[in-house]
Structures are given as C-alpha cells and as structure tokens.
C-alpha cells in the first residue's frame, strides 16, 4: 500500500463504492513563482525571436516558433493554474467525474463556485482503464508530472501542481478502487502509449535554441545567422 504523504493538502474520501478526491488550490509558492518567472523569460525570448524573424525572413519563417509558443503556454498554465485551480475527481460504481475550476479574483481574494471558469468531464466507470503517472514536460532536465486517468483512447490529467509522491499515492488509490468496483486490477498493458513530454531547455539558448526553432539554421551562412540571431547583441556585449 502507498500511504498519503505527510503534509499533503489533498483530501481523499473513500466509502463503499465511491472514491472522492479533492485538491484545493496550492496558492502562490516559491515553486510556482519560479516556474512563472521562467515561463515569462521563455515567452519573452520566443516573442523577441518571432519579431526578429518576421522582420528578417517573413511570416512563413516565423511560423517555426509556433511549437515554442505552445510550450511556453503550457509552462505558464502549469505555473499559475495550480496556484488558482480547485480540482475534484470522483468515481462511483457506475459513473466518474472530473472537474477543474479556476478561481475568480474578487475584492483582492480568490473566489470559487461561480461556474464561469469550470471545466467538467464525466463518463462510465466500466470504461475506465486505470490511472498512471505521466511526464508532461521536462524543463531544464527536470520532469514535470501529473496524474493521468485513461478511458479507452481518451486521457485526462489532473494534479499537475502536486508533489510526485502525492501523485503516486493518488494513482495507487484510484487503481485500488477500480479493482474493487470492477473486480479486476487495472493493467498498464491495457493503456495506450503515453504522450511524449514537451522539452524546454534554456541552458544554451544562443545556438541550440536557434537550431530547435529553425531547422535550416546549420545550413545558413554566417551573414544570415548574424542577422537573424536574437542573441547577437548579448554575445557581442560579453565579448567586449
């Protein structure tokens, strides 16, 4: 058995035939503030490169930055959604439901219950294959994980702001409950292959980032590289 980690904010209620998991918002912490600042720096870099690409090579050339905008969006969402999102996952004998609600800032404080920023999904318990931990992205070599519930070919994630020990505990609790309700234990072999995580790395932005964004970067002349490289001014500054 996997025990609940000490100090976890997750509230879990198990009754015969029902499992109810509630994850209150994390609030602002050093971890999500740090991730948010990194997301801001990442998106600023992509924006600067995109503007430079449009000015030098046209809109078609700038479209190569689209995957990096998406990665930056995911990173920012993971940083701030966990701080302001209330999540709940419940499994009954016949149906399951997952809900995620983003707080509304009112009079300087976070408010829930309006339903305006809520997302809810549900289905049949018999269709659930099981739960597992997945890596959603790798930031500077550090994996970011979440709980993923699998229903046939569909996948639903929650708990991205939790510690991996909490996620492992929830996966164990969900699979144990499904084994009791359905009469057989979930198997990883029955689940579809997990999605590949996004890779975000700013350890060597000047050369590796340009190669990632522009597939023709290594083939370009030194004059083209000098004109398109957004780090040109920074590198010249440090060489002085």
C-alpha atoms as a PDB file:
ATOM      1  CA  UNK A   1       0.000   0.000   0.000  1.00  0.00           C
ATOM      2  CA  UNK A   2       1.068   3.573  -0.737  1.00  0.00           C
ATOM      3  CA  UNK A   3       0.412   5.915   2.179  1.00  0.00           C
ATOM      4  CA  UNK A   4      -0.695   9.521   1.967  1.00  0.00           C
ATOM      5  CA  UNK A   5       2.396  11.762   2.174  1.00  0.00           C
ATOM      6  CA  UNK A   6       2.600  13.790   5.365  1.00  0.00           C
ATOM      7  CA  UNK A   7       1.536  17.412   4.882  1.00  0.00           C
ATOM      8  CA  UNK A   8      -0.414  16.761   1.682  1.00  0.00           C
ATOM      9  CA  UNK A   9      -3.275  19.200   1.028  1.00  0.00           C
ATOM     10  CA  UNK A  10      -5.212  16.545  -0.918  1.00  0.00           C
ATOM     11  CA  UNK A  11      -8.497  15.454   0.659  1.00  0.00           C
ATOM     12  CA  UNK A  12      -9.500  11.859  -0.109  1.00  0.00           C
ATOM     13  CA  UNK A  13     -12.744  10.242   0.996  1.00  0.00           C
ATOM     14  CA  UNK A  14     -13.338   6.544   0.393  1.00  0.00           C
ATOM     15  CA  UNK A  15     -16.723   4.943   1.039  1.00  0.00           C
ATOM     16  CA  UNK A  16     -18.169   1.631  -0.233  1.00  0.00           C
ATOM     17  CA  UNK A  17     -18.448   2.005  -3.993  1.00  0.00           C
ATOM     18  CA  UNK A  18     -17.173   5.591  -4.139  1.00  0.00           C
ATOM     19  CA  UNK A  19     -13.845   7.418  -4.195  1.00  0.00           C
ATOM     20  CA  UNK A  20     -13.763  11.218  -3.911  1.00  0.00           C
ATOM     21  CA  UNK A  21     -10.521  13.174  -4.394  1.00  0.00           C
ATOM     22  CA  UNK A  22     -10.377  16.923  -3.809  1.00  0.00           C
ATOM     23  CA  UNK A  23      -7.317  19.075  -4.496  1.00  0.00           C
ATOM     24  CA  UNK A  24      -7.517  22.636  -3.121  1.00  0.00           C
ATOM     25  CA  UNK A  25      -5.510  25.332  -4.945  1.00  0.00           C
ATOM     26  CA  UNK A  26      -1.861  25.461  -3.992  1.00  0.00           C
ATOM     27  CA  UNK A  27      -1.711  29.239  -3.707  1.00  0.00           C
ATOM     28  CA  UNK A  28       1.402  31.215  -4.534  1.00  0.00           C
ATOM     29  CA  UNK A  29       4.603  29.442  -3.544  1.00  0.00           C
ATOM     30  CA  UNK A  30       8.281  29.614  -4.340  1.00  0.00           C
ATOM     31  CA  UNK A  31       7.932  26.728  -6.786  1.00  0.00           C
ATOM     32  CA  UNK A  32       5.155  28.145  -8.968  1.00  0.00           C
ATOM     33  CA  UNK A  33       6.549  31.687  -8.775  1.00  0.00           C
ATOM     34  CA  UNK A  34       9.901  30.374 -10.004  1.00  0.00           C
ATOM     35  CA  UNK A  35       8.205  28.444 -12.808  1.00  0.00           C
ATOM     36  CA  UNK A  36       6.146  31.505 -13.689  1.00  0.00           C
ATOM     37  CA  UNK A  37       9.261  33.684 -13.957  1.00  0.00           C
ATOM     38  CA  UNK A  38      10.929  31.087 -16.155  1.00  0.00           C
ATOM     39  CA  UNK A  39       7.798  30.911 -18.336  1.00  0.00           C
ATOM     40  CA  UNK A  40       7.882  34.705 -18.643  1.00  0.00           C
ATOM     41  CA  UNK A  41      11.547  34.646 -19.706  1.00  0.00           C
ATOM     42  CA  UNK A  42      10.902  31.783 -22.149  1.00  0.00           C
ATOM     43  CA  UNK A  43       7.940  33.535 -23.803  1.00  0.00           C
ATOM     44  CA  UNK A  44       9.868  36.813 -23.937  1.00  0.00           C
ATOM     45  CA  UNK A  45      12.677  35.047 -25.790  1.00  0.00           C
ATOM     46  CA  UNK A  46      10.245  33.406 -28.249  1.00  0.00           C
ATOM     47  CA  UNK A  47       8.458  36.727 -28.801  1.00  0.00           C
ATOM     48  CA  UNK A  48      11.741  38.519 -29.480  1.00  0.00           C
ATOM     49  CA  UNK A  49      12.829  35.819 -31.933  1.00  0.00           C
ATOM     50  CA  UNK A  50       9.428  35.823 -33.664  1.00  0.00           C
ATOM     51  CA  UNK A  51       9.540  39.593 -34.190  1.00  0.00           C
ATOM     52  CA  UNK A  52      13.118  39.327 -35.468  1.00  0.00           C
ATOM     53  CA  UNK A  53      12.121  36.513 -37.824  1.00  0.00           C
ATOM     54  CA  UNK A  54       9.185  38.475 -39.217  1.00  0.00           C
ATOM     55  CA  UNK A  55      11.416  41.494 -39.790  1.00  0.00           C
ATOM     56  CA  UNK A  56      14.135  39.460 -41.477  1.00  0.00           C
ATOM     57  CA  UNK A  57      12.572  36.390 -43.054  1.00  0.00           C
ATOM     58  CA  UNK A  58       8.833  36.922 -43.265  1.00  0.00           C
ATOM     59  CA  UNK A  59       5.805  35.352 -41.601  1.00  0.00           C
ATOM     60  CA  UNK A  60       6.462  31.872 -43.008  1.00  0.00           C
ATOM     61  CA  UNK A  61       9.862  31.773 -41.325  1.00  0.00           C
ATOM     62  CA  UNK A  62       8.335  32.983 -38.054  1.00  0.00           C
ATOM     63  CA  UNK A  63       5.864  30.077 -38.050  1.00  0.00           C
ATOM     64  CA  UNK A  64       8.709  27.796 -36.946  1.00  0.00           C
ATOM     65  CA  UNK A  65       8.297  29.341 -33.472  1.00  0.00           C
ATOM     66  CA  UNK A  66       4.705  28.036 -33.085  1.00  0.00           C
ATOM     67  CA  UNK A  67       5.685  24.870 -31.126  1.00  0.00           C
ATOM     68  CA  UNK A  68       7.701  27.010 -28.718  1.00  0.00           C
ATOM     69  CA  UNK A  69       4.751  29.348 -28.144  1.00  0.00           C
ATOM     70  CA  UNK A  70       2.701  26.248 -27.282  1.00  0.00           C
ATOM     71  CA  UNK A  71       5.377  25.016 -24.875  1.00  0.00           C
ATOM     72  CA  UNK A  72       5.517  28.429 -23.212  1.00  0.00           C
ATOM     73  CA  UNK A  73       1.726  28.465 -22.900  1.00  0.00           C
ATOM     74  CA  UNK A  74       1.792  25.045 -21.219  1.00  0.00           C
ATOM     75  CA  UNK A  75       4.562  26.110 -18.863  1.00  0.00           C
ATOM     76  CA  UNK A  76       2.754  29.305 -17.818  1.00  0.00           C
ATOM     77  CA  UNK A  77      -0.500  27.395 -17.388  1.00  0.00           C
ATOM     78  CA  UNK A  78       1.152  24.819 -15.167  1.00  0.00           C
ATOM     79  CA  UNK A  79       2.719  27.548 -13.024  1.00  0.00           C
ATOM     80  CA  UNK A  80      -0.387  29.620 -12.365  1.00  0.00           C
ATOM     81  CA  UNK A  81      -3.243  27.145 -12.815  1.00  0.00           C
ATOM     82  CA  UNK A  82      -2.040  25.083  -9.851  1.00  0.00           C
ATOM     83  CA  UNK A  83      -1.983  28.182  -7.687  1.00  0.00           C
ATOM     84  CA  UNK A  84      -5.591  29.117  -8.512  1.00  0.00           C
ATOM     85  CA  UNK A  85      -7.295  25.867  -9.586  1.00  0.00           C
ATOM     86  CA  UNK A  86      -9.601  23.711  -7.473  1.00  0.00           C
ATOM     87  CA  UNK A  87      -9.763  20.109  -8.736  1.00  0.00           C
ATOM     88  CA  UNK A  88     -12.043  17.202  -7.909  1.00  0.00           C
ATOM     89  CA  UNK A  89     -12.138  13.624  -9.192  1.00  0.00           C
ATOM     90  CA  UNK A  90     -14.841  11.186  -8.128  1.00  0.00           C
ATOM     91  CA  UNK A  91     -15.519   7.563  -9.095  1.00  0.00           C
ATOM     92  CA  UNK A  92     -18.791   5.820  -8.298  1.00  0.00           C
ATOM     93  CA  UNK A  93     -19.979   2.320  -9.150  1.00  0.00           C
ATOM     94  CA  UNK A  94     -21.459   3.437 -12.476  1.00  0.00           C
ATOM     95  CA  UNK A  95     -20.032   6.889 -13.306  1.00  0.00           C
ATOM     96  CA  UNK A  96     -16.924   9.011 -12.838  1.00  0.00           C
ATOM     97  CA  UNK A  97     -16.484  12.776 -12.973  1.00  0.00           C
ATOM     98  CA  UNK A  98     -13.584  15.201 -13.024  1.00  0.00           C
ATOM     99  CA  UNK A  99     -13.958  18.947 -12.506  1.00  0.00           C
ATOM    100  CA  UNK A 100     -11.433  21.768 -12.576  1.00  0.00           C
ATOM    101  CA  UNK A 101     -12.382  25.302 -11.591  1.00  0.00           C
ATOM    102  CA  UNK A 102     -10.194  28.373 -11.868  1.00  0.00           C
ATOM    103  CA  UNK A 103     -10.662  30.936  -9.131  1.00  0.00           C
ATOM    104  CA  UNK A 104     -12.170  34.330  -9.873  1.00  0.00           C
ATOM    105  CA  UNK A 105     -10.361  37.248  -8.273  1.00  0.00           C
ATOM    106  CA  UNK A 106     -12.896  39.406  -6.442  1.00  0.00           C
ATOM    107  CA  UNK A 107     -12.090  42.183  -3.989  1.00  0.00           C
ATOM    108  CA  UNK A 108      -8.479  41.037  -3.884  1.00  0.00           C
ATOM    109  CA  UNK A 109      -9.210  37.395  -2.990  1.00  0.00           C
ATOM    110  CA  UNK A 110      -9.831  34.150  -4.901  1.00  0.00           C
ATOM    111  CA  UNK A 111     -13.478  33.072  -5.144  1.00  0.00           C
ATOM    112  CA  UNK A 112     -14.876  29.717  -6.294  1.00  0.00           C
ATOM    113  CA  UNK A 113     -18.356  28.472  -7.086  1.00  0.00           C
ATOM    114  CA  UNK A 114     -19.385  30.841  -9.890  1.00  0.00           C
ATOM    115  CA  UNK A 115     -19.083  28.088 -12.509  1.00  0.00           C
ATOM    116  CA  UNK A 116     -17.847  30.571 -15.119  1.00  0.00           C
ATOM    117  CA  UNK A 117     -14.318  29.153 -15.184  1.00  0.00           C
ATOM    118  CA  UNK A 118     -15.172  25.498 -14.513  1.00  0.00           C
ATOM    119  CA  UNK A 119     -14.439  22.541 -16.771  1.00  0.00           C
ATOM    120  CA  UNK A 120     -16.173  19.230 -16.147  1.00  0.00           C
ATOM    121  CA  UNK A 121     -15.907  15.822 -17.795  1.00  0.00           C
ATOM    122  CA  UNK A 122     -17.622  12.559 -16.947  1.00  0.00           C
ATOM    123  CA  UNK A 123     -18.135   9.030 -18.205  1.00  0.00           C
ATOM    124  CA  UNK A 124     -18.914   5.425 -17.316  1.00  0.00           C
ATOM    125  CA  UNK A 125     -16.818   3.726 -14.650  1.00  0.00           C
ATOM    126  CA  UNK A 126     -16.746   0.487 -16.642  1.00  0.00           C
ATOM    127  CA  UNK A 127     -14.933   2.355 -19.435  1.00  0.00           C
ATOM    128  CA  UNK A 128     -12.043   3.463 -17.202  1.00  0.00           C
ATOM    129  CA  UNK A 129      -8.845   1.562 -17.955  1.00  0.00           C
ATOM    130  CA  UNK A 130      -6.872   2.866 -14.981  1.00  0.00           C
ATOM    131  CA  UNK A 131      -4.599   5.641 -13.754  1.00  0.00           C
ATOM    132  CA  UNK A 132      -0.878   6.304 -14.086  1.00  0.00           C
ATOM    133  CA  UNK A 133       1.754   8.982 -13.560  1.00  0.00           C
ATOM    134  CA  UNK A 134       2.966  10.680 -16.740  1.00  0.00           C
ATOM    135  CA  UNK A 135       5.638  13.236 -17.526  1.00  0.00           C
ATOM    136  CA  UNK A 136       4.012  16.274 -19.132  1.00  0.00           C
ATOM    137  CA  UNK A 137       7.187  18.271 -19.809  1.00  0.00           C
ATOM    138  CA  UNK A 138      10.878  18.380 -18.973  1.00  0.00           C
ATOM    139  CA  UNK A 139      12.167  21.827 -18.013  1.00  0.00           C
ATOM    140  CA  UNK A 140      15.966  22.176 -17.928  1.00  0.00           C
ATOM    141  CA  UNK A 141      16.262  18.451 -17.296  1.00  0.00           C
ATOM    142  CA  UNK A 142      13.654  18.412 -14.504  1.00  0.00           C
ATOM    143  CA  UNK A 143      10.497  16.353 -15.264  1.00  0.00           C
ATOM    144  CA  UNK A 144       7.021  17.765 -14.510  1.00  0.00           C
ATOM    145  CA  UNK A 145       4.462  15.055 -13.837  1.00  0.00           C
ATOM    146  CA  UNK A 146       0.693  14.630 -13.468  1.00  0.00           C
ATOM    147  CA  UNK A 147      -1.951  12.004 -12.730  1.00  0.00           C
ATOM    148  CA  UNK A 148      -3.454  10.665 -15.952  1.00  0.00           C
ATOM    149  CA  UNK A 149      -6.746   8.746 -15.993  1.00  0.00           C
ATOM    150  CA  UNK A 150      -7.295   6.611 -19.091  1.00  0.00           C
ATOM    151  CA  UNK A 151     -10.714   5.858 -20.582  1.00  0.00           C
ATOM    152  CA  UNK A 152     -10.209   3.776 -23.707  1.00  0.00           C
ATOM    153  CA  UNK A 153      -8.213   6.018 -26.040  1.00  0.00           C
ATOM    154  CA  UNK A 154      -9.052   9.195 -24.101  1.00  0.00           C
ATOM    155  CA  UNK A 155      -6.727  10.624 -21.455  1.00  0.00           C
ATOM    156  CA  UNK A 156      -7.495  13.110 -18.677  1.00  0.00           C
ATOM    157  CA  UNK A 157      -4.884  14.769 -16.482  1.00  0.00           C
ATOM    158  CA  UNK A 158      -5.073  16.463 -13.119  1.00  0.00           C
ATOM    159  CA  UNK A 159      -2.911  17.131 -10.067  1.00  0.00           C
ATOM    160  CA  UNK A 160      -0.053  18.728 -12.009  1.00  0.00           C
ATOM    161  CA  UNK A 161       0.740  21.016  -9.084  1.00  0.00           C
ATOM    162  CA  UNK A 162       1.163  18.098  -6.666  1.00  0.00           C
ATOM    163  CA  UNK A 163       4.383  16.539  -5.474  1.00  0.00           C
ATOM    164  CA  UNK A 164       5.268  13.269  -7.294  1.00  0.00           C
ATOM    165  CA  UNK A 165       4.797  11.379  -4.012  1.00  0.00           C
ATOM    166  CA  UNK A 166       1.202  12.657  -3.828  1.00  0.00           C
ATOM    167  CA  UNK A 167       0.588  11.733  -7.455  1.00  0.00           C
ATOM    168  CA  UNK A 168       1.925   8.215  -6.883  1.00  0.00           C
ATOM    169  CA  UNK A 169      -0.376   7.844  -3.880  1.00  0.00           C
ATOM    170  CA  UNK A 170      -3.443   9.005  -5.850  1.00  0.00           C
ATOM    171  CA  UNK A 171      -2.656   6.647  -8.737  1.00  0.00           C
ATOM    172  CA  UNK A 172      -2.481   3.758  -6.279  1.00  0.00           C
ATOM    173  CA  UNK A 173      -5.778   4.759  -4.605  1.00  0.00           C
ATOM    174  CA  UNK A 174      -7.592   5.127  -7.952  1.00  0.00           C
ATOM    175  CA  UNK A 175      -6.382   1.777  -9.274  1.00  0.00           C
ATOM    176  CA  UNK A 176      -7.206   0.043  -5.986  1.00  0.00           C
ATOM    177  CA  UNK A 177     -10.729   1.444  -6.093  1.00  0.00           C
ATOM    178  CA  UNK A 178     -11.217   0.421  -9.724  1.00  0.00           C
ATOM    179  CA  UNK A 179     -10.057  -3.092  -8.839  1.00  0.00           C
ATOM    180  CA  UNK A 180     -12.711  -3.290  -6.106  1.00  0.00           C
ATOM    181  CA  UNK A 181     -15.513  -1.825  -8.247  1.00  0.00           C
ATOM    182  CA  UNK A 182     -14.744  -3.675 -11.484  1.00  0.00           C
ATOM    183  CA  UNK A 183     -13.483  -6.900  -9.939  1.00  0.00           C
ATOM    184  CA  UNK A 184     -10.070  -6.811 -11.637  1.00  0.00           C
ATOM    185  CA  UNK A 185      -6.927  -4.746 -11.226  1.00  0.00           C
ATOM    186  CA  UNK A 186      -6.016  -2.190 -13.930  1.00  0.00           C
ATOM    187  CA  UNK A 187      -3.016  -3.081 -16.085  1.00  0.00           C
ATOM    188  CA  UNK A 188      -0.558  -0.695 -17.734  1.00  0.00           C
ATOM    189  CA  UNK A 189      -0.519  -3.034 -20.721  1.00  0.00           C
ATOM    190  CA  UNK A 190      -4.173  -2.164 -21.393  1.00  0.00           C
ATOM    191  CA  UNK A 191      -3.397   1.561 -21.605  1.00  0.00           C
ATOM    192  CA  UNK A 192      -2.376   3.394 -24.789  1.00  0.00           C
ATOM    193  CA  UNK A 193       1.151   4.715 -25.050  1.00  0.00           C
ATOM    194  CA  UNK A 194       1.714   7.902 -23.068  1.00  0.00           C
ATOM    195  CA  UNK A 195       2.263  11.166 -24.973  1.00  0.00           C
ATOM    196  CA  UNK A 196       5.819  12.400 -25.344  1.00  0.00           C
ATOM    197  CA  UNK A 197       6.609  15.262 -22.938  1.00  0.00           C
ATOM    198  CA  UNK A 198       7.484  18.760 -24.111  1.00  0.00           C
ATOM    199  CA  UNK A 199      11.209  19.550 -23.823  1.00  0.00           C
ATOM    200  CA  UNK A 200      12.093  23.052 -22.607  1.00  0.00           C
ATOM    201  CA  UNK A 201      15.749  23.928 -22.070  1.00  0.00           C
ATOM    202  CA  UNK A 202      17.351  27.368 -21.842  1.00  0.00           C
ATOM    203  CA  UNK A 203      20.805  26.167 -20.760  1.00  0.00           C
ATOM    204  CA  UNK A 204      22.291  27.071 -24.156  1.00  0.00           C
ATOM    205  CA  UNK A 205      19.887  29.489 -25.784  1.00  0.00           C
ATOM    206  CA  UNK A 206      22.241  31.051 -28.311  1.00  0.00           C
ATOM    207  CA  UNK A 207      22.963  28.054 -30.567  1.00  0.00           C
ATOM    208  CA  UNK A 208      20.795  25.109 -29.544  1.00  0.00           C
ATOM    209  CA  UNK A 209      17.607  27.191 -29.328  1.00  0.00           C
ATOM    210  CA  UNK A 210      18.160  28.590 -32.812  1.00  0.00           C
ATOM    211  CA  UNK A 211      18.704  25.075 -34.182  1.00  0.00           C
ATOM    212  CA  UNK A 212      15.493  23.932 -32.494  1.00  0.00           C
ATOM    213  CA  UNK A 213      13.414  26.806 -33.862  1.00  0.00           C
ATOM    214  CA  UNK A 214      14.957  26.990 -37.349  1.00  0.00           C
ATOM    215  CA  UNK A 215      15.526  23.565 -38.955  1.00  0.00           C
ATOM    216  CA  UNK A 216      17.741  25.236 -41.598  1.00  0.00           C
ATOM    217  CA  UNK A 217      19.908  27.103 -39.066  1.00  0.00           C
ATOM    218  CA  UNK A 218      23.019  24.924 -39.538  1.00  0.00           C
ATOM    219  CA  UNK A 219      22.785  25.408 -43.305  1.00  0.00           C
ATOM    220  CA  UNK A 220      22.591  29.189 -43.218  1.00  0.00           C
ATOM    221  CA  UNK A 221      25.529  31.459 -43.995  1.00  0.00           C
ATOM    222  CA  UNK A 222      27.305  33.347 -41.226  1.00  0.00           C
ATOM    223  CA  UNK A 223      25.759  36.591 -42.534  1.00  0.00           C
ATOM    224  CA  UNK A 224      22.234  35.149 -42.263  1.00  0.00           C
ATOM    225  CA  UNK A 225      22.927  33.783 -38.778  1.00  0.00           C
ATOM    226  CA  UNK A 226      24.272  37.149 -37.646  1.00  0.00           C
ATOM    227  CA  UNK A 227      21.173  38.936 -38.983  1.00  0.00           C
ATOM    228  CA  UNK A 228      18.627  36.504 -37.518  1.00  0.00           C
ATOM    229  CA  UNK A 229      20.245  35.618 -34.179  1.00  0.00           C
ATOM    230  CA  UNK A 230      18.355  37.456 -31.364  1.00  0.00           C
ATOM    231  CA  UNK A 231      21.331  36.819 -29.055  1.00  0.00           C
ATOM    232  CA  UNK A 232      23.764  38.678 -31.314  1.00  0.00           C
ATOM    233  CA  UNK A 233      23.795  41.882 -29.233  1.00  0.00           C
ATOM    234  CA  UNK A 234      24.136  39.946 -25.986  1.00  0.00           C
ATOM    235  CA  UNK A 235      27.087  37.901 -27.273  1.00  0.00           C
ATOM    236  CA  UNK A 236      28.838  40.998 -28.624  1.00  0.00           C
ATOM    237  CA  UNK A 237      28.355  42.703 -25.257  1.00  0.00           C
ATOM    238  CA  UNK A 238      30.033  39.872 -23.339  1.00  0.00           C
ATOM    239  CA  UNK A 239      32.927  39.710 -25.808  1.00  0.00           C
ATOM    240  CA  UNK A 240      33.823  43.347 -25.101  1.00  0.00           C
END
